[in-house]
N, C-alpha and C. Protein backbone atom coordinates (compact mmCIF):
# COMPACT_ATOMS: atom_id res chain seq x y z
N UNK A 1 -21.73 30.13 38.29
CA UNK A 1 -20.50 30.44 36.32
C UNK A 1 -20.76 28.82 35.88
N UNK A 2 -20.35 27.38 37.46
CA UNK A 2 -21.17 26.19 36.62
C UNK A 2 -21.72 25.94 35.95
N UNK A 3 -22.86 26.88 36.27
CA UNK A 3 -24.18 26.16 34.97
C UNK A 3 -23.84 26.63 34.05
N UNK A 4 -23.50 27.70 33.44
CA UNK A 4 -23.44 28.46 32.31
C UNK A 4 -22.39 27.20 31.62
N UNK A 5 -21.36 26.93 32.22
CA UNK A 5 -19.96 26.37 31.69
C UNK A 5 -20.26 24.84 31.02
N UNK A 6 -21.60 24.54 31.71
CA UNK A 6 -22.85 23.20 31.42
C UNK A 6 -23.33 23.48 30.54
N UNK A 7 -24.16 24.56 30.44
CA UNK A 7 -24.96 25.05 29.56
C UNK A 7 -24.52 25.17 28.14
N UNK A 8 -23.12 25.98 28.06
CA UNK A 8 -22.20 26.17 26.48
C UNK A 8 -21.51 24.91 26.55
N UNK A 9 -21.20 23.93 27.37
CA UNK A 9 -20.42 22.45 26.78
C UNK A 9 -21.48 21.33 26.16
N UNK A 10 -22.97 21.54 26.39
CA UNK A 10 -23.97 21.07 26.79
C UNK A 10 -24.44 21.25 24.89
N UNK A 11 -24.57 22.63 24.94
CA UNK A 11 -24.91 23.37 23.28
C UNK A 11 -23.73 22.79 22.36
N UNK A 12 -22.24 23.36 22.51
CA UNK A 12 -21.61 22.21 21.87
C UNK A 12 -21.29 21.15 21.43
N UNK A 13 -22.01 20.44 22.14
CA UNK A 13 -22.17 18.84 22.03
C UNK A 13 -23.02 18.40 21.03
N UNK A 14 -24.62 19.30 21.47
CA UNK A 14 -25.75 19.38 20.26
C UNK A 14 -25.29 20.40 19.35
N UNK A 15 -24.26 21.01 18.96
CA UNK A 15 -24.52 21.32 17.58
C UNK A 15 -23.04 20.14 17.02
N UNK A 16 -22.24 20.03 18.11
CA UNK A 16 -21.64 19.11 16.93
C UNK A 16 -22.26 17.77 16.34
N UNK A 17 -22.90 17.07 17.44
CA UNK A 17 -23.87 15.88 17.01
C UNK A 17 -24.98 16.29 15.49
N UNK A 18 -25.22 17.90 15.84
CA UNK A 18 -26.88 17.78 14.21
C UNK A 18 -26.09 18.40 12.90
N UNK A 19 -24.21 18.47 13.19
CA UNK A 19 -23.67 18.71 12.53
C UNK A 19 -22.52 17.66 11.59
N UNK A 20 -23.24 16.70 12.23
CA UNK A 20 -21.86 15.35 12.71
C UNK A 20 -22.33 14.41 11.17
N UNK A 21 -23.90 15.03 10.20
CA UNK A 21 -23.95 14.45 9.46
C UNK A 21 -23.27 15.20 8.16
N UNK A 22 -22.64 16.30 8.12
CA UNK A 22 -21.94 16.88 7.56
C UNK A 22 -20.83 16.65 6.99
N UNK A 23 -20.42 16.01 7.49
CA UNK A 23 -18.44 15.58 8.23
C UNK A 23 -18.56 14.03 7.71
N UNK A 24 -19.32 13.28 7.33
CA UNK A 24 -19.54 12.22 6.87
C UNK A 24 -19.51 12.20 5.36
N UNK A 25 -19.06 11.57 4.53
CA UNK A 25 -18.69 12.39 2.89
C UNK A 25 -19.91 11.82 2.91
N UNK A 26 -20.72 11.73 1.36
CA UNK A 26 -21.19 11.11 0.38
C UNK A 26 -21.15 9.80 -0.33
N UNK A 27 -22.11 9.24 -0.79
CA UNK A 27 -21.11 8.18 -1.74
C UNK A 27 -21.26 8.80 -2.89
N UNK A 28 -21.07 9.63 -3.30
CA UNK A 28 -21.15 10.19 -4.32
C UNK A 28 -18.95 10.86 -4.12
N UNK A 29 -18.92 11.33 -3.03
CA UNK A 29 -17.84 12.28 -2.06
C UNK A 29 -16.61 11.11 -2.26
N UNK A 30 -17.00 9.55 -1.82
CA UNK A 30 -16.24 8.32 -1.75
C UNK A 30 -15.50 7.93 -2.90
N UNK A 31 -13.81 8.07 -2.19
CA UNK A 31 -13.20 7.88 -3.40
C UNK A 31 -12.83 6.47 -4.15
N UNK A 32 -13.28 5.85 -5.57
CA UNK A 32 -13.98 4.56 -6.07
C UNK A 32 -12.26 4.38 -6.30
N UNK A 33 -12.13 2.76 -6.74
CA UNK A 33 -11.34 2.02 -6.79
C UNK A 33 -11.45 1.14 -8.50
N UNK A 34 -10.06 1.21 -9.20
CA UNK A 34 -10.37 0.80 -10.66
C UNK A 34 -8.66 0.26 -11.01
N UNK A 35 -9.30 -1.14 -11.13
CA UNK A 35 -8.18 -1.73 -11.12
C UNK A 35 -7.24 -1.80 -12.35
N UNK A 36 -5.45 -2.13 -11.41
CA UNK A 36 -4.85 -0.69 -13.01
C UNK A 36 -3.74 -1.68 -13.32
N UNK A 37 -3.16 -2.61 -12.52
CA UNK A 37 -2.53 -3.62 -12.77
C UNK A 37 -1.90 -5.29 -11.48
N UNK A 38 -1.58 -6.12 -11.92
CA UNK A 38 -1.09 -7.32 -11.01
C UNK A 38 0.08 -7.32 -11.59
N UNK A 39 0.81 -7.59 -10.39
CA UNK A 39 2.27 -7.95 -10.52
C UNK A 39 2.89 -9.07 -9.70
N UNK A 40 3.27 -10.27 -10.20
CA UNK A 40 3.61 -11.30 -10.12
C UNK A 40 5.21 -11.11 -9.90
N UNK A 41 5.45 -10.97 -8.89
CA UNK A 41 6.98 -10.53 -8.31
C UNK A 41 7.93 -12.01 -8.26
N UNK A 42 8.65 -12.56 -8.82
CA UNK A 42 9.84 -13.78 -8.22
C UNK A 42 10.52 -12.92 -7.02
N UNK A 43 11.07 -13.89 -6.69
CA UNK A 43 12.13 -13.44 -5.20
C UNK A 43 13.47 -14.44 -4.73
N UNK A 44 13.86 -13.34 -4.58
CA UNK A 44 15.52 -14.28 -3.98
C UNK A 44 15.44 -14.66 -2.32
N UNK A 45 16.44 -15.32 -1.73
CA UNK A 45 16.17 -15.82 -0.20
C UNK A 45 16.14 -14.23 0.36
N UNK A 46 15.45 -13.91 1.46
CA UNK A 46 15.34 -12.81 2.44
C UNK A 46 16.86 -12.95 3.18
N UNK A 47 17.50 -11.70 3.89
CA UNK A 47 18.17 -12.03 4.61
C UNK A 47 18.38 -10.69 5.01
N UNK A 48 19.07 -10.79 6.87
CA UNK A 48 18.89 -10.20 7.80
C UNK A 48 19.25 -8.96 8.25
N UNK A 49 19.73 -7.85 7.98
CA UNK A 49 20.64 -7.13 8.68
C UNK A 49 20.81 -6.71 9.80
N UNK A 50 19.75 -7.26 11.00
CA UNK A 50 19.89 -7.69 12.26
C UNK A 50 18.77 -6.50 12.82
N UNK A 51 18.95 -6.81 14.17
CA UNK A 51 17.95 -5.41 15.32
C UNK A 51 19.12 -3.88 14.67
N UNK A 52 18.35 -3.09 14.63
CA UNK A 52 18.79 -1.60 13.97
C UNK A 52 18.32 -0.50 15.35
N UNK A 53 19.00 0.26 15.39
CA UNK A 53 17.91 1.51 16.06
C UNK A 53 16.28 1.57 15.90
N UNK A 54 16.51 1.63 14.73
CA UNK A 54 14.61 1.07 14.19
C UNK A 54 14.10 0.16 14.28
N UNK A 55 14.42 -1.20 14.81
CA UNK A 55 13.97 -2.51 14.64
C UNK A 55 14.93 -3.37 13.82
N UNK A 56 14.43 -4.46 13.06
CA UNK A 56 14.95 -5.40 12.54
C UNK A 56 14.68 -5.04 11.47
N UNK A 57 15.64 -5.32 10.25
CA UNK A 57 16.04 -4.61 9.47
C UNK A 57 16.24 -6.02 7.88
N UNK A 58 15.15 -6.73 7.01
CA UNK A 58 15.46 -7.87 6.03
C UNK A 58 15.12 -7.14 5.32
N UNK A 59 16.28 -7.76 4.72
CA UNK A 59 16.06 -6.85 2.65
C UNK A 59 15.87 -8.37 1.72
N UNK A 60 14.80 -8.26 1.07
CA UNK A 60 14.37 -9.87 0.40
C UNK A 60 14.36 -8.88 -1.06
N UNK A 61 15.14 -9.58 -1.70
CA UNK A 61 15.47 -9.41 -3.74
C UNK A 61 14.57 -9.75 -4.65
N UNK A 62 14.60 -8.62 -4.77
CA UNK A 62 13.40 -8.54 -5.87
C UNK A 62 14.38 -9.20 -7.40
N UNK A 63 13.71 -10.53 -7.66
CA UNK A 63 14.69 -10.96 -9.11
C UNK A 63 14.15 -10.62 -10.35
N UNK A 64 13.06 -10.39 -10.35
CA UNK A 64 12.16 -10.22 -11.81
C UNK A 64 10.39 -10.58 -11.67
N UNK A 65 9.70 -10.57 -12.56
CA UNK A 65 8.46 -11.49 -12.21
C UNK A 65 7.99 -10.88 -13.55
N UNK A 66 6.62 -10.72 -13.81
CA UNK A 66 5.74 -9.94 -15.03
C UNK A 66 4.67 -9.53 -14.03
N UNK A 67 3.90 -8.42 -15.39
CA UNK A 67 2.71 -7.53 -15.09
C UNK A 67 1.98 -7.47 -15.89
N UNK A 68 0.83 -7.26 -15.80
CA UNK A 68 -0.52 -6.74 -16.74
C UNK A 68 -1.61 -6.55 -15.75
N UNK A 69 -1.85 -4.98 -16.31
CA UNK A 69 -3.46 -4.52 -16.64
C UNK A 69 -4.19 -4.23 -18.22
N UNK A 70 -4.69 -3.97 -17.98
CA UNK A 70 -5.90 -3.10 -18.91
C UNK A 70 -4.89 -2.09 -19.99
N UNK A 71 -4.16 -1.61 -19.21
CA UNK A 71 -3.31 -0.37 -19.92
C UNK A 71 -1.76 -0.65 -20.03
N UNK A 72 -1.44 -1.66 -19.45
CA UNK A 72 -0.03 -2.19 -19.52
C UNK A 72 0.65 -3.60 -19.00
N UNK A 73 1.95 -3.47 -19.58
CA UNK A 73 2.41 -5.24 -19.62
C UNK A 73 3.37 -5.02 -20.14
N UNK A 74 3.97 -6.15 -19.04
CA UNK A 74 5.79 -6.29 -19.61
C UNK A 74 6.00 -6.88 -18.28
N UNK A 75 7.45 -6.70 -17.90
CA UNK A 75 8.36 -7.34 -17.15
C UNK A 75 9.00 -6.66 -16.00
N UNK A 76 9.09 -7.59 -14.57
CA UNK A 76 9.66 -7.25 -14.06
C UNK A 76 11.51 -7.10 -13.87
N UNK A 77 12.05 -6.03 -13.70
CA UNK A 77 13.72 -6.31 -13.87
C UNK A 77 14.09 -6.39 -12.34
N UNK A 78 15.13 -7.58 -12.89
CA UNK A 78 16.11 -7.89 -11.69
C UNK A 78 16.65 -6.71 -11.26
N UNK A 79 16.41 -6.74 -9.85
CA UNK A 79 18.06 -5.94 -9.27
C UNK A 79 17.16 -5.00 -7.70
N UNK A 80 15.84 -4.85 -7.75
CA UNK A 80 15.01 -4.67 -6.86
C UNK A 80 15.05 -5.39 -5.32
N UNK A 81 14.57 -4.63 -4.83
CA UNK A 81 14.53 -4.98 -3.01
C UNK A 81 13.31 -4.75 -2.31
N UNK A 82 12.68 -5.48 -1.53
CA UNK A 82 12.19 -5.16 -0.84
C UNK A 82 13.00 -5.02 0.94
N UNK A 83 12.65 -3.56 1.17
CA UNK A 83 13.49 -3.74 2.44
C UNK A 83 12.34 -3.92 3.46
N UNK A 84 12.49 -4.18 4.64
CA UNK A 84 11.22 -4.59 5.56
C UNK A 84 11.76 -3.91 6.78
N UNK A 85 11.17 -4.00 7.83
CA UNK A 85 11.70 -2.94 8.62
C UNK A 85 10.81 -3.68 9.92
N UNK A 86 10.56 -4.21 10.63
CA UNK A 86 10.06 -5.17 11.57
C UNK A 86 10.11 -4.84 13.65
N UNK A 87 9.10 -4.67 13.90
CA UNK A 87 8.98 -4.50 15.32
C UNK A 87 9.58 -5.43 15.89
N UNK A 88 10.08 -5.13 17.12
CA UNK A 88 10.60 -5.79 18.39
C UNK A 88 10.01 -6.63 18.99
N UNK A 89 8.48 -6.56 18.73
CA UNK A 89 7.35 -7.97 18.88
C UNK A 89 7.06 -8.63 17.75
N UNK A 90 7.21 -7.92 16.39
CA UNK A 90 7.17 -9.30 15.44
C UNK A 90 5.95 -8.88 15.38
N UNK A 91 4.96 -7.51 15.74
CA UNK A 91 3.04 -7.44 15.24
C UNK A 91 3.22 -6.67 14.34
N UNK A 92 4.62 -6.30 13.88
CA UNK A 92 4.30 -4.51 12.48
C UNK A 92 5.41 -4.97 11.74
N UNK A 93 5.34 -4.78 10.43
CA UNK A 93 6.21 -4.26 9.48
C UNK A 93 6.18 -3.53 8.71
N UNK A 94 6.95 -2.24 8.52
CA UNK A 94 7.15 -1.19 7.45
C UNK A 94 7.35 -1.71 6.42
N UNK A 95 6.84 -2.20 5.24
CA UNK A 95 7.64 -1.99 3.93
C UNK A 95 8.07 -0.78 2.95
N UNK A 96 9.36 -1.59 2.41
CA UNK A 96 9.12 -0.50 0.92
C UNK A 96 9.99 -1.42 0.10
N UNK A 97 9.47 -1.50 -1.06
CA UNK A 97 10.24 -2.41 -2.08
C UNK A 97 10.21 -1.16 -3.88
N UNK A 98 11.54 -1.12 -3.81
CA UNK A 98 12.08 -0.83 -4.33
C UNK A 98 12.60 -0.98 -5.78
N UNK A 99 11.72 -0.89 -7.43
CA UNK A 99 12.34 -1.88 -8.63
C UNK A 99 12.15 -0.76 -9.58
N UNK A 100 12.57 -1.75 -10.74
CA UNK A 100 12.01 -0.82 -12.00
C UNK A 100 10.67 -2.18 -12.29
N UNK A 101 10.79 -1.86 -13.19
CA UNK A 101 9.45 -2.60 -14.63
C UNK A 101 9.79 -2.72 -16.11
N UNK A 102 9.63 -2.84 -16.93
CA UNK A 102 9.55 -2.64 -18.50
C UNK A 102 8.72 -2.81 -19.04
N UNK A 103 7.83 -1.98 -19.64
CA UNK A 103 6.98 -2.30 -20.28
C UNK A 103 6.82 -3.38 -21.86
N UNK A 104 5.97 -3.17 -22.27
CA UNK A 104 6.79 -5.27 -23.34
C UNK A 104 7.16 -3.93 -25.18
N UNK A 105 6.45 -2.45 -24.94
CA UNK A 105 7.00 -1.49 -25.47
C UNK A 105 8.34 -1.21 -25.72
N UNK A 106 9.57 -1.54 -24.25
CA UNK A 106 10.34 -1.21 -24.30
C UNK A 106 10.22 -0.26 -23.33
N UNK A 107 9.26 0.80 -22.26
CA UNK A 107 9.41 1.74 -21.41
C UNK A 107 9.30 1.07 -20.22
N UNK A 108 10.94 1.95 -19.54
CA UNK A 108 11.04 1.69 -18.44
C UNK A 108 9.92 2.89 -17.24
N UNK A 109 9.76 1.99 -15.80
CA UNK A 109 9.29 2.65 -15.24
C UNK A 109 9.66 2.80 -13.89
N UNK A 110 10.44 3.61 -12.79
CA UNK A 110 10.28 3.46 -11.17
C UNK A 110 9.48 2.90 -10.33
N UNK A 111 9.10 1.69 -10.00
CA UNK A 111 8.39 1.79 -8.42
C UNK A 111 8.92 1.39 -7.30
N UNK A 112 8.05 3.20 -5.98
CA UNK A 112 8.26 2.81 -4.65
C UNK A 112 7.59 2.03 -3.89
N UNK A 113 7.34 0.83 -3.62
CA UNK A 113 5.88 0.38 -2.62
C UNK A 113 5.89 0.67 -1.23
N UNK A 114 5.32 1.45 -0.75
CA UNK A 114 5.65 1.89 1.23
C UNK A 114 4.02 1.16 1.63
N UNK A 115 4.35 0.25 2.41
CA UNK A 115 2.83 0.08 3.05
C UNK A 115 3.40 -0.40 4.44
N UNK A 116 2.54 -1.54 5.05
CA UNK A 116 2.84 -1.70 6.46
C UNK A 116 1.57 -3.41 6.31
N UNK A 117 1.85 -4.51 7.85
CA UNK A 117 1.94 -5.74 7.19
C UNK A 117 1.60 -5.01 9.39
N UNK A 118 0.61 -5.36 9.80
CA UNK A 118 0.35 -5.58 11.21
C UNK A 118 0.12 -7.42 11.22
N UNK A 119 0.00 -7.73 12.54
CA UNK A 119 -0.99 -9.03 12.65
C UNK A 119 -1.84 -8.91 14.24
N UNK A 120 -2.59 -8.78 14.82
CA UNK A 120 -3.37 -8.59 15.48
C UNK A 120 -4.32 -9.59 16.09
N UNK A 121 -4.91 -9.10 16.98
CA UNK A 121 -6.55 -10.21 17.51
C UNK A 121 -7.41 -9.04 17.01
N UNK A 122 -8.61 -9.01 16.69
CA UNK A 122 -9.77 -8.52 15.89
C UNK A 122 -10.35 -8.48 17.46
N UNK A 123 -11.44 -7.33 17.76
CA UNK A 123 -12.87 -7.53 18.74
C UNK A 123 -12.95 -8.40 19.48
N UNK A 124 -13.01 -9.78 19.02
CA UNK A 124 -14.22 -10.80 19.60
C UNK A 124 -12.13 -11.92 19.79
N UNK A 125 -10.66 -11.52 19.25
CA UNK A 125 -9.60 -12.44 19.92
C UNK A 125 -9.22 -12.83 19.08
N UNK A 126 -10.19 -13.18 17.67
CA UNK A 126 -9.55 -13.80 16.73
C UNK A 126 -8.48 -13.15 15.46
N UNK A 127 -7.67 -13.93 15.25
CA UNK A 127 -6.30 -12.80 14.75
C UNK A 127 -6.46 -13.18 13.60
N UNK A 128 -6.39 -11.84 13.33
CA UNK A 128 -6.26 -10.44 12.36
C UNK A 128 -5.14 -10.18 11.52
N UNK A 129 -5.26 -9.81 10.49
CA UNK A 129 -3.96 -10.07 8.94
C UNK A 129 -4.03 -8.66 8.02
N UNK A 130 -3.32 -7.89 8.79
CA UNK A 130 -3.54 -6.42 7.69
C UNK A 130 -2.44 -6.56 6.76
N UNK A 131 -2.56 -6.26 4.90
CA UNK A 131 -1.33 -5.93 4.65
C UNK A 131 -1.89 -5.14 3.25
N UNK A 132 -1.43 -3.94 2.80
CA UNK A 132 -1.39 -3.42 2.38
C UNK A 132 -0.11 -1.87 2.25
N UNK A 133 -0.44 -1.95 0.84
CA UNK A 133 1.07 -0.56 0.66
C UNK A 133 0.21 0.43 -0.30
N UNK A 134 1.81 1.57 -0.64
CA UNK A 134 0.88 2.41 -1.51
C UNK A 134 2.07 2.76 -2.84
N UNK A 135 1.83 2.14 -3.91
CA UNK A 135 2.81 1.94 -5.07
C UNK A 135 2.76 3.40 -5.05
N UNK A 136 4.26 3.73 -5.81
CA UNK A 136 4.15 4.91 -6.73
C UNK A 136 5.11 4.66 -7.59
N UNK A 137 4.43 5.69 -9.27
CA UNK A 137 5.12 4.87 -10.38
C UNK A 137 5.76 6.34 -10.44
N UNK A 138 6.68 6.13 -11.79
CA UNK A 138 7.67 7.28 -11.88
C UNK A 138 7.89 7.12 -13.12
N UNK A 139 7.17 7.11 -14.16
CA UNK A 139 7.28 7.04 -15.27
C UNK A 139 7.82 7.89 -16.71
N UNK A 140 8.33 8.00 -18.15
CA UNK A 140 8.90 9.29 -18.44
C UNK A 140 7.12 9.49 -18.61
N UNK A 141 7.38 11.31 -18.69
CA UNK A 141 6.31 12.58 -18.89
C UNK A 141 5.92 12.47 -20.47
N UNK A 142 6.08 12.28 -20.94
CA UNK A 142 6.36 11.50 -22.89
C UNK A 142 6.13 10.35 -23.35
N UNK A 143 5.68 9.58 -22.66
CA UNK A 143 4.70 8.41 -22.31
C UNK A 143 3.93 8.27 -22.74
N UNK A 144 3.53 7.01 -23.24
CA UNK A 144 2.20 6.48 -23.14
C UNK A 144 1.62 6.60 -21.97
N UNK A 145 2.23 6.16 -20.42
CA UNK A 145 1.87 5.72 -19.31
C UNK A 145 2.18 7.13 -18.54
N UNK A 146 2.99 7.55 -19.18
CA UNK A 146 2.83 9.26 -17.51
C UNK A 146 1.46 9.05 -16.84
N UNK A 147 0.21 8.79 -17.12
CA UNK A 147 -1.10 8.37 -16.44
C UNK A 147 -0.39 8.32 -14.92
N UNK A 148 0.24 7.27 -14.74
CA UNK A 148 0.50 6.29 -13.98
C UNK A 148 1.12 7.52 -12.64
N UNK A 149 1.90 8.55 -13.50
CA UNK A 149 2.37 10.01 -12.42
C UNK A 149 1.50 10.10 -12.03
N UNK A 150 -0.19 10.51 -11.94
CA UNK A 150 -0.58 11.29 -11.74
C UNK A 150 -1.86 10.95 -11.11
N UNK A 151 -1.41 9.62 -9.99
CA UNK A 151 -2.37 9.01 -9.73
C UNK A 151 -1.93 8.66 -8.62
N UNK A 152 -2.91 8.37 -7.83
CA UNK A 152 -2.37 7.59 -6.23
C UNK A 152 -3.10 5.80 -6.96
N UNK A 153 -2.15 5.68 -6.28
CA UNK A 153 -2.54 3.95 -6.35
C UNK A 153 -2.92 2.50 -4.33
N UNK A 154 -3.65 2.26 -5.20
CA UNK A 154 -3.04 0.83 -3.58
C UNK A 154 -2.75 -0.25 -3.81
N UNK A 155 -2.54 -1.40 -2.98
CA UNK A 155 -2.01 -2.74 -3.59
C UNK A 155 -2.56 -3.35 -2.50
N UNK A 156 -2.49 -4.70 -2.76
CA UNK A 156 -2.59 -5.38 -1.14
C UNK A 156 -1.94 -7.77 -2.12
N UNK A 157 -1.42 -8.00 -1.47
CA UNK A 157 -1.41 -9.37 -1.78
C UNK A 157 -2.13 -10.12 -1.67
N UNK A 158 -2.26 -11.37 -2.96
CA UNK A 158 -2.99 -12.16 -3.00
C UNK A 158 -1.87 -13.79 -3.72
N UNK A 159 -2.27 -14.25 -2.58
CA UNK A 159 -1.74 -15.60 -2.04
C UNK A 159 -1.10 -17.39 -3.15
N UNK A 160 -1.10 -17.31 -3.74
CA UNK A 160 -1.24 -18.34 -4.20
C UNK A 160 -0.18 -19.04 -4.17
N UNK A 161 -0.74 -20.68 -4.07
CA UNK A 161 0.48 -21.47 -3.71
C UNK A 161 1.52 -22.03 -4.69
N UNK A 162 0.68 -21.39 -5.65
CA UNK A 162 1.57 -22.29 -7.32
C UNK A 162 2.71 -21.15 -8.11
N UNK A 163 3.07 -20.17 -7.15
CA UNK A 163 3.37 -19.12 -7.45
C UNK A 163 4.70 -18.72 -6.74
N UNK A 164 5.71 -18.86 -6.61
CA UNK A 164 6.90 -18.43 -5.62
C UNK A 164 7.37 -16.97 -5.88
N UNK A 165 7.02 -16.97 -5.17
CA UNK A 165 6.86 -14.74 -4.93
C UNK A 165 5.21 -14.27 -4.47
N UNK A 166 5.15 -13.43 -4.39
CA UNK A 166 4.49 -12.61 -4.52
C UNK A 166 3.10 -12.49 -5.17
N UNK A 167 2.49 -11.54 -5.57
CA UNK A 167 1.03 -10.99 -6.59
C UNK A 167 0.75 -9.89 -5.29
N UNK A 168 0.38 -9.13 -5.97
CA UNK A 168 0.36 -7.96 -6.10
C UNK A 168 -0.65 -7.43 -7.02
N UNK A 169 -2.39 -7.16 -6.41
CA UNK A 169 -3.12 -6.40 -7.39
C UNK A 169 -3.71 -5.14 -7.13
N UNK A 170 -2.99 -4.27 -8.07
CA UNK A 170 -2.72 -2.37 -7.62
C UNK A 170 -4.41 -1.74 -8.16
N UNK A 171 -4.96 -1.21 -7.51
CA UNK A 171 -5.74 0.01 -7.75
C UNK A 171 -5.07 1.42 -8.08
N UNK A 172 -6.05 1.86 -9.25
CA UNK A 172 -6.56 3.31 -9.48
C UNK A 172 -7.27 3.78 -8.28
N UNK A 173 -6.90 4.75 -7.80
CA UNK A 173 -7.37 5.70 -6.53
C UNK A 173 -8.41 6.76 -7.48
N UNK A 174 -9.55 6.70 -7.74
CA UNK A 174 -10.45 7.90 -8.78
C UNK A 174 -10.75 9.01 -7.81
């Protein structure tokens, strides 16, 4: 009986590895990224709500800024905020930035950008830093910006020493 179970297990394992190539997507199936826009967001001083039952809550007010990409350009509206929830040890922070932007031709678009910031050590013990987010756009359905409603976007920061705020580069997943 044990021999039979062993043989069945081995056959299942060999079948899995033989079919593993079918699991890995081909280059044609791998999503591609297309640059959509850059946001240059100005910020006010952060403040802390303190330690909550979910973690340490920090709020960073968004005071304005600009954005530009191949298909849109405009300003970031004052009044949004980046709501951050940090782990007790400070190694992981969940972010949720909620704000609005206004295109140069007067169209308002709502943005909700959720992501994660992690600091850790890599396999060799060196410090590593991860900061990615996925903005969702709500543009008027009858506007030339409706394409923003129908795609997935990813972003990551670019740190500029000559800019007081955060610069986010945003890509559309194709």
